[in-house]
Protein backbone atom coordinates (compact mmCIF):
# COMPACT_ATOMS: atom_id res chain seq x y z
CA UNK A 1 0.20 -0.09 0.11
CA UNK A 2 0.98 3.55 -0.51
CA UNK A 3 -0.35 7.06 0.50
CA UNK A 4 0.43 10.54 -0.65
CA UNK A 5 0.79 13.03 2.11
CA UNK A 6 0.40 16.71 2.24
CA UNK A 7 2.06 18.35 5.12
CA UNK A 8 4.19 15.31 5.87
CA UNK A 9 7.06 17.35 7.53
CA UNK A 10 4.55 19.08 9.89
CA UNK A 11 3.77 17.87 13.64
CA UNK A 12 1.11 15.88 12.59
CA UNK A 13 2.56 14.67 9.09
CA UNK A 14 5.85 13.44 10.81
CA UNK A 15 3.93 11.14 13.25
CA UNK A 16 1.55 9.82 10.47
CA UNK A 17 4.78 9.07 8.40
CA UNK A 18 5.95 6.85 11.23
CA UNK A 19 2.73 5.08 11.61
CA UNK A 20 2.49 4.40 7.93
CA UNK A 21 6.09 2.98 8.09
CA UNK A 22 5.13 0.85 11.16
CA UNK A 23 2.33 -0.54 9.13
CA UNK A 24 4.46 -1.34 5.89
CA UNK A 25 2.80 1.45 3.91
CA UNK A 26 5.01 3.46 1.61
CA UNK A 27 4.82 7.17 1.63
CA UNK A 28 4.79 9.76 -1.26
CA UNK A 29 4.83 13.28 -0.17
CA UNK A 30 4.51 16.75 -1.40
CA UNK A 31 6.60 19.56 -0.59
CA UNK A 32 6.83 23.23 -1.48
CA UNK A 33 10.51 22.99 -0.49
CA UNK A 34 12.78 21.39 -3.07
CA UNK A 35 15.49 20.72 -0.50
CA UNK A 36 13.22 18.65 1.56
CA UNK A 37 12.85 16.06 -1.28
CA UNK A 38 13.86 12.59 -0.19
CA UNK A 39 14.28 9.53 -2.60
CA UNK A 40 14.21 6.80 0.08
CA UNK A 41 12.39 3.56 -1.31
CA UNK A 42 9.54 3.99 1.44
CA UNK A 43 9.76 7.87 1.72
CA UNK A 44 9.76 9.50 -1.44
CA UNK A 45 9.31 13.53 -2.08
CA UNK A 46 7.78 15.35 -4.97
CA UNK A 47 7.60 19.30 -5.43
CA UNK A 48 4.44 21.38 -5.61
CA UNK A 49 3.41 25.16 -5.27
CA UNK A 50 -0.44 25.32 -5.02
CA UNK A 51 -0.04 29.08 -5.24
CA UNK A 52 1.47 28.66 -8.73
CA UNK A 53 -0.55 25.57 -9.83
CA UNK A 54 2.50 23.66 -10.01
CA UNK A 55 2.58 19.75 -9.10
CA UNK A 56 4.85 16.88 -10.27
CA UNK A 57 2.04 14.21 -10.98
CA UNK A 58 4.57 11.44 -10.65
CA UNK A 59 3.58 11.90 -7.02
CA UNK A 60 0.42 10.00 -7.63
CA UNK A 61 2.20 6.83 -9.08
CA UNK A 62 1.06 3.49 -7.32
CA UNK A 63 -0.98 5.77 -4.59
CA UNK A 64 -4.04 4.20 -2.98
CA UNK A 65 -5.00 7.07 -0.72
CA UNK A 66 -4.22 10.91 -0.32
CA UNK A 67 -3.87 12.26 3.25
CA UNK A 68 -4.15 16.01 3.13
CA UNK A 69 -2.76 17.98 6.05
CA UNK A 70 -1.93 21.23 3.89
CA UNK A 71 -2.63 24.44 5.33
CA UNK A 72 -1.04 27.53 6.90
CA UNK A 73 -0.62 27.70 10.58
CA UNK A 74 -3.46 29.04 12.83
CA UNK A 75 -1.00 30.11 15.50
CA UNK A 76 0.12 33.51 14.00
CA UNK A 77 -1.30 36.81 14.38
CA UNK A 78 -4.59 37.01 12.41
CA UNK A 79 -4.06 40.12 10.25
CA UNK A 80 -6.37 40.59 7.11
CA UNK A 81 -3.65 39.27 4.88
CA UNK A 82 -2.93 36.25 6.84
CA UNK A 83 -6.25 35.20 7.56
CA UNK A 84 -6.55 35.11 3.58
CA UNK A 85 -3.31 32.94 3.48
CA UNK A 86 -4.88 30.36 5.87
CA UNK A 87 -7.94 30.27 3.89
CA UNK A 88 -6.32 30.16 0.56
CA UNK A 89 -3.61 27.63 1.41
CA UNK A 90 -6.38 24.92 2.37
CA UNK A 91 -8.36 25.77 -0.67
CA UNK A 92 -5.74 26.14 -3.35
CA UNK A 93 -4.05 22.77 -2.33
CA UNK A 94 -7.23 20.86 -2.66
CA UNK A 95 -8.12 22.40 -5.91
CA UNK A 96 -4.86 21.70 -7.48
CA UNK A 97 -4.98 17.88 -6.21
CA UNK A 98 -8.13 17.42 -7.67
CA UNK A 99 -7.90 19.07 -10.79
CA UNK A 100 -4.71 17.17 -11.39
CA UNK A 101 -6.44 13.89 -10.81
CA UNK A 102 -9.25 14.93 -12.98
CA UNK A 103 -7.13 16.09 -15.84
CA UNK A 104 -4.59 13.41 -15.93
CA UNK A 105 -7.31 10.71 -15.32
CA UNK A 106 -5.45 9.53 -12.32
CA UNK A 107 -7.49 7.06 -9.91
CA UNK A 108 -7.25 7.07 -6.22
CA UNK A 109 -9.32 5.05 -3.85
CA UNK A 110 -9.79 7.78 -0.92
CA UNK A 111 -8.89 11.18 0.22
CA UNK A 112 -8.41 11.63 4.12
CA UNK A 113 -8.34 15.23 4.98
CA UNK A 114 -7.58 17.16 8.14
CA UNK A 115 -10.27 19.36 9.36
CA UNK A 116 -10.62 20.95 12.76
CA UNK A 117 -13.35 21.12 15.69
CA UNK A 118 -13.28 24.91 15.19
CA UNK A 119 -16.16 24.23 12.94
CA UNK A 120 -18.48 23.38 16.13
CA UNK A 121 -20.02 26.69 17.80
CA UNK A 122 -18.53 27.74 21.28
CA UNK A 123 -20.57 26.00 23.86
CA UNK A 124 -20.10 24.92 27.51
CA UNK A 125 -22.95 22.67 27.51
CA UNK A 126 -23.17 20.90 23.95
CA UNK A 127 -21.34 17.61 23.51
CA UNK A 128 -20.60 17.55 19.78
CA UNK A 129 -20.92 14.56 17.40
CA UNK A 130 -20.22 14.58 13.97
CA UNK A 131 -24.10 14.74 12.93
CA UNK A 132 -24.09 18.27 14.54
CA UNK A 133 -24.67 20.57 11.51
CA UNK A 134 -24.66 24.45 12.62
CA UNK A 135 -21.48 25.77 11.91
CA UNK A 136 -19.46 28.14 14.15
CA UNK A 137 -19.72 31.79 13.22
CA UNK A 138 -16.28 32.50 13.82
CA UNK A 139 -13.59 33.12 11.19
CA UNK A 140 -12.24 29.51 12.03
CA UNK A 141 -15.84 27.97 11.61
CA UNK A 142 -15.99 29.86 8.14
CA UNK A 143 -12.43 28.45 7.36
CA UNK A 144 -13.35 24.74 8.05
CA UNK A 145 -16.66 24.80 6.39
CA UNK A 146 -15.17 26.04 3.21
CA UNK A 147 -12.12 23.47 3.56
CA UNK A 148 -14.46 20.65 4.03
CA UNK A 149 -16.57 21.63 1.14
CA UNK A 150 -13.48 21.42 -1.02
CA UNK A 151 -12.93 18.04 0.39
CA UNK A 152 -16.24 16.69 -0.51
CA UNK A 153 -16.00 17.72 -3.91
CA UNK A 154 -13.64 14.71 -4.72
CA UNK A 155 -16.62 12.71 -4.56
CA UNK A 156 -17.36 13.62 -7.99
CA UNK A 157 -14.25 11.55 -8.93
CA UNK A 158 -15.54 8.47 -7.25
CA UNK A 159 -13.18 8.85 -4.49
CA UNK A 160 -13.95 8.16 -0.76
CA UNK A 161 -13.91 11.24 1.12
CA UNK A 162 -12.98 11.25 4.84
CA UNK A 163 -12.62 14.20 7.01
CA UNK A 164 -10.95 14.04 10.41
CA UNK A 165 -11.94 17.16 12.61
CA UNK A 166 -8.70 17.53 14.80
CA UNK A 167 -8.89 18.90 18.39
CA UNK A 168 -5.86 20.18 20.51
CA UNK A 169 -2.80 18.02 19.62
CA UNK A 170 -0.47 17.26 22.58
CA UNK A 171 2.99 16.62 21.71
CA UNK A 172 6.24 16.61 23.97
CA UNK A 173 8.39 19.13 21.71
CA UNK A 174 5.94 20.93 19.27
CA UNK A 175 2.58 22.57 19.06
CA UNK A 176 0.72 23.91 22.09
CA UNK A 177 1.95 21.86 24.96
CA UNK A 178 5.38 22.99 25.36
CA UNK A 179 4.11 26.74 25.19
CA UNK A 180 1.68 25.94 27.86
CA UNK A 181 4.35 24.09 29.92
CA UNK A 182 6.64 27.13 30.00
CA UNK A 183 4.99 29.59 32.25
CA UNK A 184 4.07 26.68 34.51
CA UNK A 185 7.71 25.68 34.81
CA UNK A 186 8.64 29.22 35.93
CA UNK A 187 5.63 29.55 38.41
CA UNK A 188 3.64 31.77 36.02
CA UNK A 189 1.01 29.31 34.77
CA UNK A 190 -2.68 30.25 35.02
CA UNK A 191 -6.05 29.21 33.12
CA UNK A 192 -7.73 31.51 30.55
CA UNK A 193 -10.86 33.54 31.67
CA UNK A 194 -13.21 31.53 33.77
CA UNK A 195 -11.28 28.24 32.79
CA UNK A 196 -14.71 26.58 32.29
CA UNK A 197 -14.19 26.26 28.40
CA UNK A 198 -13.64 22.78 27.17
CA UNK A 199 -10.39 21.44 25.56
CA UNK A 200 -10.78 18.53 23.36
CA UNK A 201 -7.38 17.26 23.27
CA UNK A 202 -5.65 14.13 21.52
CA UNK A 203 -2.20 12.70 21.96
CA UNK A 204 -0.41 13.13 18.58
CA UNK A 205 0.57 9.06 18.20
CA UNK A 206 -3.19 8.49 18.58
CA UNK A 207 -3.96 11.08 16.07
CA UNK A 208 -1.57 9.38 13.69
CA UNK A 209 -2.86 5.89 14.25
CA UNK A 210 -6.52 7.23 13.85
CA UNK A 211 -5.56 8.58 10.38
CA UNK A 212 -3.95 5.53 9.24
CA UNK A 213 -6.88 3.45 10.64
CA UNK A 214 -9.43 5.24 8.46
CA UNK A 215 -7.28 4.41 5.49
CA UNK A 216 -6.63 0.72 6.47
CA UNK A 217 -10.49 0.32 7.48
CA UNK A 218 -11.52 2.40 4.36
CA UNK A 219 -13.77 4.51 6.43
CA UNK A 220 -15.78 7.33 4.84
CA UNK A 221 -17.50 10.20 6.29
CA UNK A 222 -16.48 12.76 9.10
CA UNK A 223 -14.74 11.68 12.27
CA UNK A 224 -13.78 13.51 15.37
CA UNK A 225 -10.03 13.47 16.02
CA UNK A 226 -10.13 13.87 19.90
CA UNK A 227 -9.64 11.73 22.71
CA UNK A 228 -12.57 10.02 24.87
CA UNK A 229 -12.11 12.34 27.78
CA UNK A 230 -12.14 16.46 27.18
CA UNK A 231 -11.25 18.63 30.18
CA UNK A 232 -11.83 22.14 31.12
CA UNK A 233 -9.02 24.83 30.76
CA UNK A 234 -8.84 24.87 34.37
CA UNK A 235 -8.24 21.00 34.40
CA UNK A 236 -5.58 20.98 31.82
CA UNK A 237 -3.48 23.81 33.44
CA UNK A 238 -3.78 22.03 36.74
CA UNK A 239 -2.68 18.60 35.18
CA UNK A 240 0.28 19.98 33.50
CA UNK A 241 1.18 21.71 37.05
CA UNK A 242 0.66 18.66 38.84
CA UNK A 243 3.08 16.76 36.35
CA UNK A 244 6.02 19.58 36.43
CA UNK A 245 5.34 19.60 40.33
CA UNK A 246 4.86 23.50 40.33
CA UNK A 247 2.33 25.42 42.26
CA UNK A 248 -0.25 27.73 40.29
CA UNK A 249 -0.07 30.88 42.20
CA UNK A 250 -1.54 33.48 39.73
CA UNK A 251 -5.16 34.14 39.09
CA UNK A 252 -6.85 33.15 35.89
CA UNK A 253 -5.69 35.80 32.93
CA UNK A 254 -8.66 37.87 31.90
CA UNK A 255 -10.05 37.56 28.39
CA UNK A 256 -9.61 41.14 27.74
CA UNK A 257 -5.94 41.17 28.40
CA UNK A 258 -5.48 38.36 25.72
CA UNK A 259 -7.76 39.75 23.15
CA UNK A 260 -5.47 43.05 23.45
CA UNK A 261 -2.32 41.05 23.16
CA UNK A 262 -3.62 38.60 20.39
CA UNK A 263 -6.46 40.30 18.55
CA UNK A 264 -8.81 38.11 16.95
CA UNK A 265 -7.02 34.85 17.41
CA UNK A 266 -7.64 35.12 21.15
CA UNK A 267 -10.72 32.70 20.64
CA UNK A 268 -7.97 29.73 20.39
CA UNK A 269 -7.87 30.06 24.03
CA UNK A 270 -11.55 30.99 25.14
CA UNK A 271 -13.76 28.90 22.43
CA UNK A 272 -15.23 25.83 24.21
CA UNK A 273 -15.96 22.71 22.08
CA UNK A 274 -16.86 19.34 24.18
CA UNK A 275 -16.38 16.92 21.44
CA UNK A 276 -17.10 13.17 21.30
CA UNK A 277 -14.98 10.35 19.98
CA UNK A 278 -17.77 7.70 20.08
CA UNK A 279 -18.12 7.37 16.12
CA UNK A 280 -14.41 6.24 15.60
CA UNK A 281 -14.55 4.24 18.72
CA UNK A 282 -17.53 2.41 17.38
CA UNK A 283 -15.85 1.55 14.27
CA UNK A 284 -13.18 -0.39 16.41
CA UNK A 285 -10.27 2.10 17.14
CA UNK A 286 -9.04 1.95 20.59
CA UNK A 287 -7.14 5.11 22.04
CA UNK A 288 -4.02 4.07 23.72
CA UNK A 289 -3.93 7.58 25.58
CA UNK A 290 -7.76 8.23 26.71
CA UNK A 291 -6.93 10.21 30.15
CA UNK A 292 -5.08 13.48 30.51
CA UNK A 293 -2.91 12.93 33.57
CA UNK A 294 -1.45 9.56 32.02
CA UNK A 295 -0.92 11.45 28.63
CA UNK A 296 1.11 14.26 30.19
CA UNK A 297 3.08 11.55 32.27
CA UNK A 298 3.94 10.13 28.80
CA UNK A 299 4.88 13.27 27.06
CA UNK A 300 6.40 15.19 29.83
CA UNK A 301 8.14 12.45 31.71
């Protein structure tokens, strides 16, 4: 078996590559950087530039499925121009993949695309399953909605479409967790706002396994990429402090301060989405990291 991965050199992509190799699945990957092209037998790189509509169509040779992770980071300040980049990077990459498959009459069985739980509206009480169809009115909600629409367009090519709505990804060295650990280590850790907002998290290795599982089991439709036990922001910060054996001395950080510092992207810290993992579990997927404290012990030991 062989997959083509976009975004293979990012946090989630690297974990998926490892999981693919563990399962004996060969990887082709697309990169916008020519110096990141590898030619190993089970890990082969190809150049593309979605902005300029450029792609090496040899990347599709022997490929059974596409795993799409392409998209600009949402963790940079949301200026009007960068917000456009966040949207365009997701839309242009999918349009280029689809048009190349159609124009060159290339056949793949499945596309598995990253999505995000930011599509769900902010709520302290809802418990979101994949069937919930109201879209968050925020910028993130609009981005995810447009992103998923572009993935759904692959159905017209008789390709199975799978979307994984990703929550807060926990990794020891990259992403949000190291940034949360820093202030806690120096005795300056604190939750945000009331701290009651839900954080639906997932260990990066479980997320990689989940992506590969949807491929090997040929699962279609939407799946939430979150662990079974979401926590509040208060619980998350306390769990990090407990693992690092540090006290939490400061009061919670007011929303007004973070809005002043971060602008519109402050919603990343204050939006609440309690999200269910039941659907993927009902398909036979088993999480290795299902409770937060043991997960932090694994990552921060």
